[in-house]
């Protein structure tokens, strides 16, 4: 009798690894958050800024970090990502920068 060890695929193996798909996923996460504020009609693009355009506060970014980890696994560490940025860079952070970071992390995890 042969036993096959079946494990559920990790979030990274199921996660999209191209920018348009990641943008769509992150946009969905952001829309869920913005819907709570009644701001569901804002267009989210690669150039959209978290602070200036979406008016997100630090607690919102913590929520986003949790959503990212739940979707992509621990290899996408938002806190680690922003820790390497200067304050002005964090204030000007765009959705596109986060998308590029997520794509890099997911691809790197897939190469291991």
C-alpha atoms as a PDB file:
ATOM      1  CA  UNK A   1       0.000   0.000   0.000  1.00  0.00           C
ATOM      2  CA  UNK A   2       1.444   3.335  -1.051  1.00  0.00           C
ATOM      3  CA  UNK A   3       0.776   6.375   1.076  1.00  0.00           C
ATOM      4  CA  UNK A   4       0.689   9.697  -0.654  1.00  0.00           C
ATOM      5  CA  UNK A   5       1.403  12.737   1.457  1.00  0.00           C
ATOM      6  CA  UNK A   6      -1.063  15.323   0.273  1.00  0.00           C
ATOM      7  CA  UNK A   7      -0.658  18.821   1.589  1.00  0.00           C
ATOM      8  CA  UNK A   8      -2.605  21.877   0.726  1.00  0.00           C
ATOM      9  CA  UNK A   9      -0.746  24.214  -1.592  1.00  0.00           C
ATOM     10  CA  UNK A  10       0.743  27.228   0.137  1.00  0.00           C
ATOM     11  CA  UNK A  11      -0.687  30.657  -0.664  1.00  0.00           C
ATOM     12  CA  UNK A  12       2.427  31.456  -2.703  1.00  0.00           C
ATOM     13  CA  UNK A  13       1.900  28.530  -5.071  1.00  0.00           C
ATOM     14  CA  UNK A  14      -1.622  29.676  -5.807  1.00  0.00           C
ATOM     15  CA  UNK A  15      -0.788  33.383  -5.952  1.00  0.00           C
ATOM     16  CA  UNK A  16      -0.547  35.175  -9.275  1.00  0.00           C
ATOM     17  CA  UNK A  17       2.938  36.342 -10.153  1.00  0.00           C
ATOM     18  CA  UNK A  18       2.263  38.997 -12.754  1.00  0.00           C
ATOM     19  CA  UNK A  19       1.704  42.671 -11.978  1.00  0.00           C
ATOM     20  CA  UNK A  20      -1.833  42.990 -13.426  1.00  0.00           C
ATOM     21  CA  UNK A  21      -3.109  40.041 -11.370  1.00  0.00           C
ATOM     22  CA  UNK A  22      -1.409  41.283  -8.192  1.00  0.00           C
ATOM     23  CA  UNK A  23      -2.766  44.790  -8.829  1.00  0.00           C
ATOM     24  CA  UNK A  24      -6.267  43.337  -9.121  1.00  0.00           C
ATOM     25  CA  UNK A  25      -5.852  41.416  -5.865  1.00  0.00           C
ATOM     26  CA  UNK A  26      -4.461  44.393  -3.937  1.00  0.00           C
ATOM     27  CA  UNK A  27      -7.146  46.655  -5.417  1.00  0.00           C
ATOM     28  CA  UNK A  28      -9.756  44.245  -4.089  1.00  0.00           C
ATOM     29  CA  UNK A  29      -8.202  44.351  -0.630  1.00  0.00           C
ATOM     30  CA  UNK A  30      -8.127  48.145  -0.728  1.00  0.00           C
ATOM     31  CA  UNK A  31     -11.708  48.405  -1.998  1.00  0.00           C
ATOM     32  CA  UNK A  32     -12.869  46.294   0.929  1.00  0.00           C
ATOM     33  CA  UNK A  33     -11.121  48.685   3.306  1.00  0.00           C
ATOM     34  CA  UNK A  34     -12.311  51.823   1.498  1.00  0.00           C
ATOM     35  CA  UNK A  35     -15.878  50.559   1.381  1.00  0.00           C
ATOM     36  CA  UNK A  36     -15.982  50.910   5.163  1.00  0.00           C
ATOM     37  CA  UNK A  37     -15.314  54.639   4.692  1.00  0.00           C
ATOM     38  CA  UNK A  38     -17.812  55.010   1.859  1.00  0.00           C
ATOM     39  CA  UNK A  39     -15.019  55.551  -0.669  1.00  0.00           C
ATOM     40  CA  UNK A  40     -15.754  52.671  -3.007  1.00  0.00           C
ATOM     41  CA  UNK A  41     -15.666  54.752  -6.209  1.00  0.00           C
ATOM     42  CA  UNK A  42     -11.939  55.603  -6.155  1.00  0.00           C
ATOM     43  CA  UNK A  43      -9.950  54.257  -9.107  1.00  0.00           C
ATOM     44  CA  UNK A  44      -6.907  52.286  -7.990  1.00  0.00           C
ATOM     45  CA  UNK A  45      -3.959  52.198 -10.400  1.00  0.00           C
ATOM     46  CA  UNK A  46      -0.243  51.558 -10.150  1.00  0.00           C
ATOM     47  CA  UNK A  47       0.243  55.313  -9.575  1.00  0.00           C
ATOM     48  CA  UNK A  48      -2.323  55.576  -6.753  1.00  0.00           C
ATOM     49  CA  UNK A  49      -0.697  56.762  -3.525  1.00  0.00           C
ATOM     50  CA  UNK A  50      -1.787  55.223  -0.247  1.00  0.00           C
ATOM     51  CA  UNK A  51      -1.638  58.418   1.793  1.00  0.00           C
ATOM     52  CA  UNK A  52      -2.431  61.203  -0.671  1.00  0.00           C
ATOM     53  CA  UNK A  53      -4.979  59.500  -2.922  1.00  0.00           C
ATOM     54  CA  UNK A  54      -6.560  56.864  -0.674  1.00  0.00           C
ATOM     55  CA  UNK A  55      -6.110  58.785   2.585  1.00  0.00           C
ATOM     56  CA  UNK A  56      -5.120  55.613   4.415  1.00  0.00           C
ATOM     57  CA  UNK A  57      -3.820  55.860   7.946  1.00  0.00           C
ATOM     58  CA  UNK A  58      -1.268  53.658   9.667  1.00  0.00           C
ATOM     59  CA  UNK A  59      -3.963  51.353  11.079  1.00  0.00           C
ATOM     60  CA  UNK A  60      -5.239  50.813   7.534  1.00  0.00           C
ATOM     61  CA  UNK A  61      -1.745  49.789   6.445  1.00  0.00           C
ATOM     62  CA  UNK A  62      -1.611  47.296   9.319  1.00  0.00           C
ATOM     63  CA  UNK A  63      -4.898  45.833   8.072  1.00  0.00           C
ATOM     64  CA  UNK A  64      -3.501  45.693   4.537  1.00  0.00           C
ATOM     65  CA  UNK A  65      -0.377  43.944   5.828  1.00  0.00           C
ATOM     66  CA  UNK A  66      -2.561  41.263   7.403  1.00  0.00           C
ATOM     67  CA  UNK A  67      -4.516  40.807   4.184  1.00  0.00           C
ATOM     68  CA  UNK A  68      -1.302  40.488   2.182  1.00  0.00           C
ATOM     69  CA  UNK A  69       0.084  37.846   4.528  1.00  0.00           C
ATOM     70  CA  UNK A  70      -3.184  35.917   4.486  1.00  0.00           C
ATOM     71  CA  UNK A  71      -3.197  35.899   0.675  1.00  0.00           C
ATOM     72  CA  UNK A  72       0.474  35.485  -0.184  1.00  0.00           C
ATOM     73  CA  UNK A  73       2.003  33.951   2.923  1.00  0.00           C
ATOM     74  CA  UNK A  74       4.812  35.133   5.138  1.00  0.00           C
ATOM     75  CA  UNK A  75       7.214  35.798   2.280  1.00  0.00           C
ATOM     76  CA  UNK A  76       5.276  39.039   1.620  1.00  0.00           C
ATOM     77  CA  UNK A  77       6.176  41.057   4.701  1.00  0.00           C
ATOM     78  CA  UNK A  78       4.746  44.572   4.386  1.00  0.00           C
ATOM     79  CA  UNK A  79       6.356  45.756   7.630  1.00  0.00           C
ATOM     80  CA  UNK A  80       9.774  44.658   6.381  1.00  0.00           C
ATOM     81  CA  UNK A  81       9.112  46.379   3.058  1.00  0.00           C
ATOM     82  CA  UNK A  82       8.314  49.771   4.600  1.00  0.00           C
ATOM     83  CA  UNK A  83      11.061  49.457   7.226  1.00  0.00           C
ATOM     84  CA  UNK A  84      13.627  50.016   4.472  1.00  0.00           C
ATOM     85  CA  UNK A  85      11.946  53.253   3.338  1.00  0.00           C
ATOM     86  CA  UNK A  86      12.461  56.822   4.522  1.00  0.00           C
ATOM     87  CA  UNK A  87       9.437  58.646   5.974  1.00  0.00           C
ATOM     88  CA  UNK A  88       8.907  60.677   2.768  1.00  0.00           C
ATOM     89  CA  UNK A  89       9.033  57.481   0.716  1.00  0.00           C
ATOM     90  CA  UNK A  90       6.401  55.895   2.949  1.00  0.00           C
ATOM     91  CA  UNK A  91       4.182  58.951   2.604  1.00  0.00           C
ATOM     92  CA  UNK A  92       4.558  58.834  -1.203  1.00  0.00           C
ATOM     93  CA  UNK A  93       4.253  55.031  -1.452  1.00  0.00           C
ATOM     94  CA  UNK A  94       2.239  53.928  -4.464  1.00  0.00           C
ATOM     95  CA  UNK A  95       0.174  50.839  -5.083  1.00  0.00           C
ATOM     96  CA  UNK A  96       2.564  50.054  -7.952  1.00  0.00           C
ATOM     97  CA  UNK A  97       5.547  49.916  -5.615  1.00  0.00           C
ATOM     98  CA  UNK A  98       3.708  47.441  -3.422  1.00  0.00           C
ATOM     99  CA  UNK A  99       2.621  45.396  -6.449  1.00  0.00           C
ATOM    100  CA  UNK A 100       6.236  45.160  -7.636  1.00  0.00           C
ATOM    101  CA  UNK A 101       7.363  44.109  -4.156  1.00  0.00           C
ATOM    102  CA  UNK A 102       4.702  41.381  -3.947  1.00  0.00           C
ATOM    103  CA  UNK A 103       5.597  40.057  -7.415  1.00  0.00           C
ATOM    104  CA  UNK A 104       9.304  39.912  -6.454  1.00  0.00           C
ATOM    105  CA  UNK A 105       8.551  38.100  -3.179  1.00  0.00           C
ATOM    106  CA  UNK A 106       6.199  35.543  -4.725  1.00  0.00           C
ATOM    107  CA  UNK A 107       8.591  34.809  -7.583  1.00  0.00           C
ATOM    108  CA  UNK A 108      11.541  34.475  -5.188  1.00  0.00           C
ATOM    109  CA  UNK A 109       9.551  32.043  -3.043  1.00  0.00           C
ATOM    110  CA  UNK A 110       8.702  30.005  -6.142  1.00  0.00           C
ATOM    111  CA  UNK A 111      12.366  29.712  -7.065  1.00  0.00           C
ATOM    112  CA  UNK A 112      13.318  28.095  -3.758  1.00  0.00           C
END
